[in-house]
Amino acid sequence: MRGLEQSRAVTRILLLTAVLITNSTTRPSLAAAATFGEDLEFLRRHTEVAVLMDPSGQAQVAVVPAYQARVMTSTADGPSGTGFGWVNRELIASGKLQPHINVFGGEDRFWMGPEGGQFSIFFAKGAPFDLEHWYTPAALDTEPFAVISKNTDRIVCRRQLRFTNYSGTPFDLEVNREVRLVNVSDALAKLGVNLPSDVKAVGFESVNSVKNTGARPWKKERGLLSIWVLGMLNASPETSVVIPFVTGPESRLGPVVNDTYFGQVPADRLVVKDGAIVFRADASYRSKIGISPRRAKSVMGSFDTAHGTLTLVEFKLPKGASDYVNSMWEQQKNPFGGDAVNSYNDGPPQPGAKQLGRFYELESSSPALALKPGESATHVHQTFHVQGGEAQLENVARAVLGVGVQDIINAFRK
């Protein structure tokens, strides 16, 4: 994103934040993160919650079918443990729906792209690409998913969806979303990592499948959809995101990182070194970065020094896939030149302005889906939270992310 695209991106996020703040009767809390038990008690006052847990009861995950079966939060230490997902209590408690988007929160939510452009599913055919005409599809925002099955460690939800994109192309599809607990030790062992026995951990994955239930194949010339999973996580002043990348010359692979979504990220908030991007995620400066499919690897993560928490995300990244939907709010020259990985840090849109909340995001996307009638595609997004001392987590971080905990802590120290 360069030049005019950067300016438009800055303008739209300022406008969106203004609408969310001005039109709402509530304000997101900037208080310290609640415990998992406190968030669970709050959520149960307003909606049904499915709680998945391991036999010990220490690893727990809260899923809300009414919010598109999103994982709202999780814990590695039972009800009294840290709640890892950001929950927008004020919006939920208000009981009032906003017209453009309802930011309920949650550390794993199902969305679909593209957001903007001639193949957008967020703009009606012929509408101007501005905030007044931008609407999150209700099926991705306020409409519930049906529970198909549930047991102690997994839940399966489903919904039939219909979209018509900006170009007038209809899409009929079925979404199946399974959220299930994952044994962190077993999962990391597949990555060649031995998890220390004296740490606390919780892991889960969302298996997101989309089936073309229409009569026509989905083709690039009429627009394609993608699966987009976004995780909103509680931030602290000492949280940093780490995204490993494929090294190599820009002439062959393109830029390492797109750091100009909302204006270029300052050097004291973004470090690119030794095959890893380190990005401040302290919820005090609004910024976003993106990694192209040519540069992306199938892992990313973060480390929160304040809570001794290493978060690791692994996701499906098909080898050789290059077509990813573009979400720019404009008629696009390259509608399939989007990012495979994104990270967002919330903060005031301008000095003195309110912000949405103390959260950051880890996001992954599937390639653009060119599905024949009856054909399906699946995008898997796994999240692991590991809590322990820095020495315990040093080797885990280095093995998965390519940099150790001390490298992450020292990234912004002079």
Protein backbone atom coordinates (compact mmCIF):
# COMPACT_ATOMS: atom_id res chain seq x y z
CA MET A 1 0.00 0.00 0.00
CA ARG A 2 1.56 3.25 -1.09
CA GLY A 3 0.72 6.93 -1.75
CA LEU A 4 -3.00 7.49 -2.24
CA GLU A 5 -3.80 4.05 -0.77
CA GLN A 6 -2.07 5.01 2.49
CA SER A 7 -4.02 8.26 2.72
CA ARG A 8 -7.33 6.47 2.17
CA ALA A 9 -6.48 3.84 4.77
CA VAL A 10 -5.72 6.51 7.38
CA THR A 11 -8.93 8.39 6.55
CA ARG A 12 -11.17 5.35 6.82
CA ILE A 13 -9.82 4.16 10.16
CA LEU A 14 -10.22 7.64 11.64
CA LEU A 15 -13.79 7.80 10.37
CA LEU A 16 -14.62 4.30 11.56
CA THR A 17 -13.31 4.96 15.05
CA ALA A 18 -15.24 8.22 15.20
CA VAL A 19 -18.48 6.43 14.32
CA LEU A 20 -17.90 3.61 16.80
CA ILE A 21 -17.20 6.09 19.58
CA THR A 22 -19.74 8.79 18.73
CA ASN A 23 -22.70 6.54 17.93
CA SER A 24 -22.25 4.26 20.93
CA THR A 25 -23.56 5.06 24.39
CA THR A 26 -20.72 3.08 25.90
CA ARG A 27 -16.96 3.29 26.13
CA PRO A 28 -14.52 0.39 26.04
CA SER A 29 -12.75 -0.13 29.32
CA LEU A 30 -9.02 0.47 29.54
CA ALA A 31 -8.83 -1.30 32.89
CA ALA A 32 -6.54 -4.23 33.53
CA ALA A 33 -7.59 -7.53 32.01
CA ALA A 34 -10.09 -9.55 34.01
CA THR A 35 -9.55 -13.13 35.08
CA PHE A 36 -11.06 -15.84 32.92
CA GLY A 37 -13.67 -16.56 35.61
CA GLU A 38 -14.72 -12.92 35.79
CA ASP A 39 -15.11 -12.66 32.02
CA LEU A 40 -17.01 -15.96 31.92
CA GLU A 41 -19.42 -14.80 34.62
CA PHE A 42 -19.99 -11.55 32.73
CA LEU A 43 -20.59 -13.28 29.39
CA ARG A 44 -23.06 -15.73 30.91
CA ARG A 45 -25.21 -12.81 32.07
CA HIS A 46 -25.70 -11.77 28.45
CA THR A 47 -25.48 -14.86 26.24
CA GLU A 48 -25.00 -18.62 26.23
CA VAL A 49 -21.39 -19.75 26.56
CA ALA A 50 -19.93 -23.14 25.75
CA VAL A 51 -16.89 -23.89 27.93
CA LEU A 52 -14.37 -26.44 26.70
CA MET A 53 -11.88 -27.81 29.23
CA ASP A 54 -9.24 -30.47 29.73
CA PRO A 55 -9.59 -33.14 32.44
CA SER A 56 -7.66 -31.02 34.94
CA GLY A 57 -9.96 -28.03 34.51
CA GLN A 58 -6.96 -25.75 34.16
CA ALA A 59 -7.07 -25.29 30.37
CA GLN A 60 -10.45 -23.76 29.47
CA VAL A 61 -11.86 -22.01 26.41
CA ALA A 62 -15.09 -19.96 26.23
CA VAL A 63 -17.02 -20.10 22.92
CA VAL A 64 -20.13 -18.02 22.16
CA PRO A 65 -22.29 -19.49 19.36
CA ALA A 66 -24.32 -16.26 19.12
CA TYR A 67 -21.14 -14.41 18.10
CA GLN A 68 -20.43 -16.68 15.10
CA ALA A 69 -18.97 -19.34 17.41
CA ARG A 70 -16.02 -17.14 18.28
CA VAL A 71 -13.58 -17.97 21.06
CA MET A 72 -14.09 -15.07 23.45
CA THR A 73 -11.31 -15.92 25.90
CA SER A 74 -9.27 -18.75 27.41
CA THR A 75 -7.17 -19.62 30.44
CA ALA A 76 -4.22 -21.84 31.28
CA ASP A 77 -4.89 -21.73 35.04
CA GLY A 78 -8.59 -22.28 35.63
CA PRO A 79 -11.15 -19.59 36.51
CA SER A 80 -8.65 -17.54 38.53
CA GLY A 81 -6.12 -17.50 35.70
CA THR A 82 -5.40 -14.76 33.22
CA GLY A 83 -8.12 -14.27 30.60
CA PHE A 84 -6.26 -14.01 27.30
CA GLY A 85 -9.03 -12.76 25.00
CA TRP A 86 -10.21 -9.15 24.94
CA VAL A 87 -13.91 -8.80 25.79
CA ASN A 88 -15.75 -5.56 25.00
CA ARG A 89 -17.87 -5.53 28.12
CA GLU A 90 -19.44 -2.13 27.57
CA LEU A 91 -20.79 -2.93 24.13
CA ILE A 92 -22.09 -6.33 25.19
CA ALA A 93 -23.70 -4.99 28.37
CA SER A 94 -25.44 -2.18 26.48
CA GLY A 95 -27.52 -4.64 24.47
CA LYS A 96 -27.49 -2.14 21.62
CA LEU A 97 -26.32 -3.07 18.14
CA GLN A 98 -24.30 -0.62 16.09
CA PRO A 99 -25.11 -0.14 12.39
CA HIS A 100 -21.69 -0.69 10.81
CA ILE A 101 -19.91 -3.21 13.06
CA ASN A 102 -20.24 -4.65 16.55
CA VAL A 103 -16.83 -5.10 18.12
CA PHE A 104 -17.64 -7.77 20.72
CA GLY A 105 -14.01 -8.89 20.99
CA GLY A 106 -12.78 -12.47 21.15
CA GLU A 107 -9.44 -14.13 20.48
CA ASP A 108 -10.54 -16.21 17.48
CA ARG A 109 -13.38 -14.98 15.30
CA PHE A 110 -14.57 -16.00 11.84
CA TRP A 111 -14.71 -13.38 9.10
CA MET A 112 -14.52 -13.44 5.34
CA GLY A 113 -12.89 -11.14 2.82
CA PRO A 114 -12.50 -9.08 0.81
CA GLU A 115 -13.51 -6.03 2.77
CA GLY A 116 -13.08 -3.47 -0.02
CA GLY A 117 -12.66 -3.21 -3.77
CA GLN A 118 -14.78 -4.30 -6.70
CA PHE A 119 -15.27 -7.75 -5.15
CA SER A 120 -16.06 -6.52 -1.61
CA ILE A 121 -18.79 -8.15 0.50
CA PHE A 122 -18.92 -5.13 2.83
CA PHE A 123 -20.19 -2.67 0.18
CA ALA A 124 -23.35 -2.89 -1.92
CA LYS A 125 -23.12 -2.79 -5.70
CA GLY A 126 -22.33 0.71 -6.92
CA ALA A 127 -21.96 2.19 -3.42
CA PRO A 128 -19.15 4.68 -2.80
CA PHE A 129 -16.16 3.33 -0.87
CA ASP A 130 -16.75 5.41 2.24
CA LEU A 131 -17.73 4.77 5.83
CA GLU A 132 -21.37 5.73 5.36
CA HIS A 133 -21.83 2.84 2.94
CA TRP A 134 -19.60 0.26 4.69
CA TYR A 135 -21.45 -2.47 6.59
CA THR A 136 -20.14 -5.68 8.13
CA PRO A 137 -22.39 -8.49 6.82
CA ALA A 138 -24.78 -9.50 9.60
CA ALA A 139 -23.77 -13.15 9.20
CA LEU A 140 -20.23 -12.15 10.24
CA ASP A 141 -21.32 -9.70 12.93
CA THR A 142 -24.62 -10.24 14.74
CA GLU A 143 -26.25 -13.46 13.52
CA PRO A 144 -25.70 -16.69 15.49
CA PHE A 145 -24.26 -19.97 14.31
CA ALA A 146 -26.23 -23.13 15.12
CA VAL A 147 -24.63 -25.67 17.46
CA ILE A 148 -24.39 -29.03 15.69
CA SER A 149 -22.55 -30.94 18.40
CA LYS A 150 -20.64 -30.32 21.61
CA ASN A 151 -18.68 -32.28 24.17
CA THR A 152 -16.14 -31.41 26.84
CA ASP A 153 -13.31 -30.51 24.48
CA ARG A 154 -14.93 -29.40 21.20
CA ILE A 155 -17.92 -27.69 19.65
CA VAL A 156 -19.13 -27.72 16.03
CA CYS A 157 -21.28 -24.90 14.67
CA ARG A 158 -22.80 -24.25 11.25
CA ARG A 159 -24.55 -21.60 9.22
CA GLN A 160 -25.81 -21.17 5.67
CA LEU A 161 -24.70 -17.81 4.27
CA ARG A 162 -25.43 -15.73 1.19
CA PHE A 163 -23.40 -12.76 0.03
CA THR A 164 -23.60 -10.58 -3.06
CA ASN A 165 -20.37 -8.77 -3.79
CA TYR A 166 -19.85 -5.25 -5.07
CA SER A 167 -19.78 -6.49 -8.65
CA GLY A 168 -23.14 -8.20 -8.22
CA THR A 169 -21.86 -11.77 -7.96
CA PRO A 170 -23.95 -13.95 -5.60
CA PHE A 171 -22.34 -16.49 -3.29
CA ASP A 172 -24.22 -19.26 -1.53
CA LEU A 173 -22.14 -21.13 1.01
CA GLU A 174 -22.17 -23.28 4.09
CA VAL A 175 -19.76 -22.54 6.92
CA ASN A 176 -18.77 -25.25 9.37
CA ARG A 177 -16.68 -24.07 12.28
CA GLU A 178 -15.22 -26.47 14.81
CA VAL A 179 -13.40 -25.18 17.88
CA ARG A 180 -11.48 -27.78 19.83
CA LEU A 181 -8.90 -28.01 22.58
CA VAL A 182 -5.37 -28.90 21.53
CA ASN A 183 -2.76 -30.52 23.74
CA VAL A 184 0.01 -27.94 23.69
CA SER A 185 2.81 -30.40 24.46
CA ASP A 186 1.78 -32.66 21.58
CA ALA A 187 1.31 -29.79 19.17
CA LEU A 188 4.68 -28.23 19.92
CA ALA A 189 6.38 -31.61 19.74
CA LYS A 190 5.34 -31.74 16.08
CA LEU A 191 7.31 -28.51 15.66
CA GLY A 192 10.31 -30.08 17.37
CA VAL A 193 9.77 -28.29 20.68
CA ASN A 194 9.82 -29.83 24.15
CA LEU A 195 7.44 -27.95 26.43
CA PRO A 196 8.80 -27.59 29.99
CA SER A 197 6.72 -29.61 32.43
CA ASP A 198 6.39 -26.80 34.96
CA VAL A 199 4.68 -24.22 32.75
CA LYS A 200 0.94 -23.58 32.37
CA ALA A 201 -0.56 -23.85 28.90
CA VAL A 202 -3.81 -23.80 26.97
CA GLY A 203 -4.24 -24.53 23.28
CA PHE A 204 -7.15 -24.54 20.87
CA GLU A 205 -7.79 -24.47 17.16
CA SER A 206 -10.59 -23.31 14.92
CA VAL A 207 -11.20 -25.45 11.85
CA ASN A 208 -13.09 -23.21 9.43
CA SER A 209 -14.60 -24.88 6.38
CA VAL A 210 -16.48 -23.15 3.57
CA LYS A 211 -18.51 -25.04 0.95
CA ASN A 212 -19.84 -23.61 -2.30
CA THR A 213 -23.53 -24.55 -2.18
CA GLY A 214 -24.43 -22.52 -5.25
CA ALA A 215 -24.88 -23.65 -8.85
CA ARG A 216 -21.91 -21.75 -10.32
CA PRO A 217 -18.17 -22.05 -9.75
CA TRP A 218 -16.42 -19.16 -8.04
CA LYS A 219 -14.09 -17.51 -10.56
CA LYS A 220 -11.53 -14.74 -10.29
CA GLU A 221 -13.17 -12.55 -12.91
CA ARG A 222 -16.38 -12.37 -10.83
CA GLY A 223 -14.61 -12.19 -7.47
CA LEU A 224 -13.56 -14.70 -4.83
CA LEU A 225 -13.96 -15.00 -1.07
CA SER A 226 -11.39 -15.84 1.61
CA ILE A 227 -11.53 -17.16 5.17
CA TRP A 228 -10.20 -14.59 7.63
CA VAL A 229 -9.53 -15.42 11.31
CA LEU A 230 -8.82 -12.57 13.70
CA GLY A 231 -7.72 -12.83 17.33
CA MET A 232 -8.23 -9.89 19.69
CA LEU A 233 -5.91 -10.38 22.68
CA ASN A 234 -5.45 -8.42 25.89
CA ALA A 235 -2.45 -6.12 25.67
CA SER A 236 -0.08 -4.91 28.36
CA PRO A 237 2.53 -2.14 28.19
CA GLU A 238 5.12 -4.91 27.77
CA THR A 239 3.64 -6.94 24.91
CA SER A 240 5.40 -7.42 21.56
CA VAL A 241 4.29 -9.38 18.48
CA VAL A 242 6.83 -11.53 16.62
CA ILE A 243 6.32 -12.61 13.00
CA PRO A 244 9.02 -14.73 11.31
CA PHE A 245 9.44 -14.15 7.58
CA VAL A 246 11.06 -15.72 4.56
CA THR A 247 14.38 -13.99 3.91
CA GLY A 248 15.53 -13.04 0.44
CA PRO A 249 15.86 -10.07 -1.92
CA GLU A 250 12.95 -7.69 -2.50
CA SER A 251 13.48 -8.07 -6.23
CA ARG A 252 12.24 -11.66 -5.89
CA LEU A 253 10.01 -11.65 -2.81
CA GLY A 254 8.83 -8.06 -2.50
CA PRO A 255 8.92 -5.95 0.68
CA VAL A 256 9.40 -7.77 3.98
CA VAL A 257 6.50 -5.98 5.67
CA ASN A 258 3.76 -3.56 4.77
CA ASP A 259 3.99 -1.09 7.66
CA THR A 260 2.04 1.83 6.19
CA TYR A 261 -1.61 0.91 6.74
CA PHE A 262 -2.30 3.85 9.03
CA GLY A 263 0.84 5.84 8.33
CA GLN A 264 4.30 4.37 8.62
CA VAL A 265 5.03 2.61 11.90
CA PRO A 266 7.78 4.48 13.80
CA ALA A 267 11.17 2.81 14.12
CA ASP A 268 10.83 2.54 17.89
CA ARG A 269 7.74 0.34 17.40
CA LEU A 270 8.91 -1.96 14.61
CA VAL A 271 12.17 -3.89 14.29
CA VAL A 272 13.05 -6.10 11.32
CA LYS A 273 16.11 -8.23 11.98
CA ASP A 274 17.46 -11.75 11.52
CA GLY A 275 14.37 -13.16 9.83
CA ALA A 276 11.83 -11.86 12.36
CA ILE A 277 9.61 -8.79 12.69
CA VAL A 278 9.08 -7.49 16.23
CA PHE A 279 6.09 -5.14 16.57
CA ARG A 280 4.98 -3.32 19.73
CA ALA A 281 1.52 -4.48 20.84
CA ASP A 282 0.95 -2.26 23.86
CA ALA A 283 -2.45 -0.82 22.81
CA SER A 284 -1.11 2.73 22.98
CA TYR A 285 -0.40 3.51 19.30
CA ARG A 286 -2.78 2.61 16.48
CA SER A 287 -0.83 0.73 13.84
CA LYS A 288 -1.00 -2.32 11.59
CA ILE A 289 1.38 -4.48 9.60
CA GLY A 290 0.91 -7.10 6.90
CA ILE A 291 3.02 -9.90 5.43
CA SER A 292 2.56 -11.14 1.88
CA PRO A 293 2.18 -14.86 1.11
CA ARG A 294 5.66 -14.79 -0.46
CA ARG A 295 7.19 -13.68 2.85
CA ALA A 296 4.88 -15.35 5.37
CA LYS A 297 5.61 -18.45 7.38
CA SER A 298 2.93 -20.54 9.05
CA VAL A 299 3.64 -19.22 12.58
CA MET A 300 3.55 -15.98 14.52
CA GLY A 301 3.25 -15.03 18.16
CA SER A 302 3.74 -12.56 20.96
CA PHE A 303 5.34 -12.24 24.36
CA ASP A 304 3.83 -10.35 27.31
CA THR A 305 6.55 -9.71 29.87
CA ALA A 306 4.08 -8.36 32.43
CA HIS A 307 2.16 -11.65 32.60
CA GLY A 308 4.94 -14.05 31.58
CA THR A 309 2.86 -15.20 28.62
CA LEU A 310 4.16 -16.53 25.33
CA THR A 311 1.41 -16.74 22.71
CA LEU A 312 2.02 -18.86 19.61
CA VAL A 313 -0.22 -19.03 16.54
CA GLU A 314 0.11 -21.64 13.82
CA PHE A 315 -2.13 -21.54 10.76
CA LYS A 316 -2.64 -23.22 7.42
CA LEU A 317 -0.42 -21.64 4.74
CA PRO A 318 -0.73 -23.64 1.50
CA LYS A 319 2.59 -23.95 -0.28
CA GLY A 320 2.75 -21.98 -3.49
CA ALA A 321 -0.57 -20.13 -3.02
CA SER A 322 -0.20 -16.54 -4.18
CA ASP A 323 -3.73 -15.20 -4.69
CA TYR A 324 -4.95 -13.51 -1.50
CA VAL A 325 -7.88 -11.09 -1.57
CA ASN A 326 -7.20 -7.36 -1.38
CA SER A 327 -9.34 -5.38 1.07
CA MET A 328 -8.48 -1.80 0.02
CA TRP A 329 -11.46 0.56 -0.18
CA GLU A 330 -11.14 1.42 -3.88
CA GLN A 331 -11.37 0.05 -7.39
CA GLN A 332 -8.29 -2.15 -7.27
CA LYS A 333 -5.62 -2.77 -9.87
CA ASN A 334 -4.62 -6.02 -8.14
CA PRO A 335 -7.62 -7.52 -6.31
CA PHE A 336 -5.66 -10.68 -5.45
CA GLY A 337 -2.52 -9.05 -4.06
CA GLY A 338 -3.49 -9.08 -0.37
CA ASP A 339 -1.70 -10.22 2.80
CA ALA A 340 -1.62 -13.70 4.34
CA VAL A 341 -0.75 -12.44 7.85
CA ASN A 342 -1.64 -9.25 9.72
CA SER A 343 -1.13 -7.79 13.17
CA TYR A 344 -2.94 -4.76 14.56
CA ASN A 345 -2.23 -2.68 17.66
CA ASP A 346 -5.05 -0.52 19.00
CA GLY A 347 -4.54 3.01 20.24
CA PRO A 348 -6.03 6.49 19.97
CA PRO A 349 -6.69 7.38 16.30
CA GLN A 350 -5.35 10.83 17.08
CA PRO A 351 -3.91 12.52 20.20
CA GLY A 352 -6.51 12.86 22.93
CA ALA A 353 -9.10 10.71 21.17
CA LYS A 354 -10.74 7.62 22.64
CA GLN A 355 -9.68 4.17 21.51
CA LEU A 356 -11.59 0.93 21.16
CA GLY A 357 -9.76 -0.94 23.94
CA ARG A 358 -6.54 -2.40 25.27
CA PHE A 359 -6.06 -5.12 22.69
CA TYR A 360 -3.93 -6.21 19.78
CA GLU A 361 -4.67 -8.66 16.99
CA LEU A 362 -3.03 -11.67 15.36
CA GLU A 363 -4.73 -12.44 12.04
CA SER A 364 -4.38 -15.09 9.35
CA SER A 365 -6.18 -15.56 6.02
CA SER A 366 -6.75 -18.34 3.56
CA PRO A 367 -5.93 -17.91 -0.10
CA ALA A 368 -8.72 -16.69 -2.38
CA LEU A 369 -11.21 -19.55 -2.75
CA ALA A 370 -11.96 -20.62 -6.34
CA LEU A 371 -14.48 -23.34 -5.44
CA LYS A 372 -16.61 -25.42 -7.77
CA PRO A 373 -20.21 -26.25 -6.77
CA GLY A 374 -20.09 -28.69 -3.87
CA GLU A 375 -16.38 -28.10 -3.28
CA SER A 376 -15.02 -27.07 0.14
CA ALA A 377 -11.91 -25.38 1.52
CA THR A 378 -10.64 -25.28 5.10
CA HIS A 379 -8.50 -22.80 7.00
CA VAL A 380 -7.07 -23.89 10.38
CA HIS A 381 -5.89 -21.35 12.96
CA GLN A 382 -4.29 -22.62 16.20
CA THR A 383 -3.59 -20.57 19.32
CA PHE A 384 -1.33 -21.59 22.23
CA HIS A 385 -0.76 -19.60 25.41
CA VAL A 386 2.16 -20.69 27.61
CA GLN A 387 2.84 -19.05 30.98
CA GLY A 388 6.08 -19.37 32.91
CA GLY A 389 9.39 -17.72 33.67
CA GLU A 390 11.49 -16.13 30.95
CA ALA A 391 14.12 -18.84 31.20
CA GLN A 392 11.46 -21.54 30.79
CA LEU A 393 10.02 -19.89 27.68
CA GLU A 394 13.31 -18.84 26.04
CA ASN A 395 13.89 -22.03 24.05
CA VAL A 396 10.22 -22.47 23.18
CA ALA A 397 10.08 -19.02 21.60
CA ARG A 398 13.38 -19.52 19.79
CA ALA A 399 12.36 -22.91 18.38
CA VAL A 400 8.99 -21.70 17.04
CA LEU A 401 9.56 -18.03 16.22
CA GLY A 402 13.29 -17.99 15.51
CA VAL A 403 14.00 -15.51 18.30
CA GLY A 404 14.18 -16.06 22.05
CA VAL A 405 12.31 -14.28 24.81
CA GLN A 406 15.34 -12.14 25.63
CA ASP A 407 15.61 -11.08 21.98
CA ILE A 408 11.99 -9.97 22.08
CA ILE A 409 12.42 -8.06 25.35
CA ASN A 410 15.58 -6.36 24.09
CA ALA A 411 14.25 -5.51 20.63
CA PHE A 412 13.30 -1.96 21.61
CA ARG A 413 16.01 -1.33 24.17
CA LYS A 414 18.84 0.94 23.07
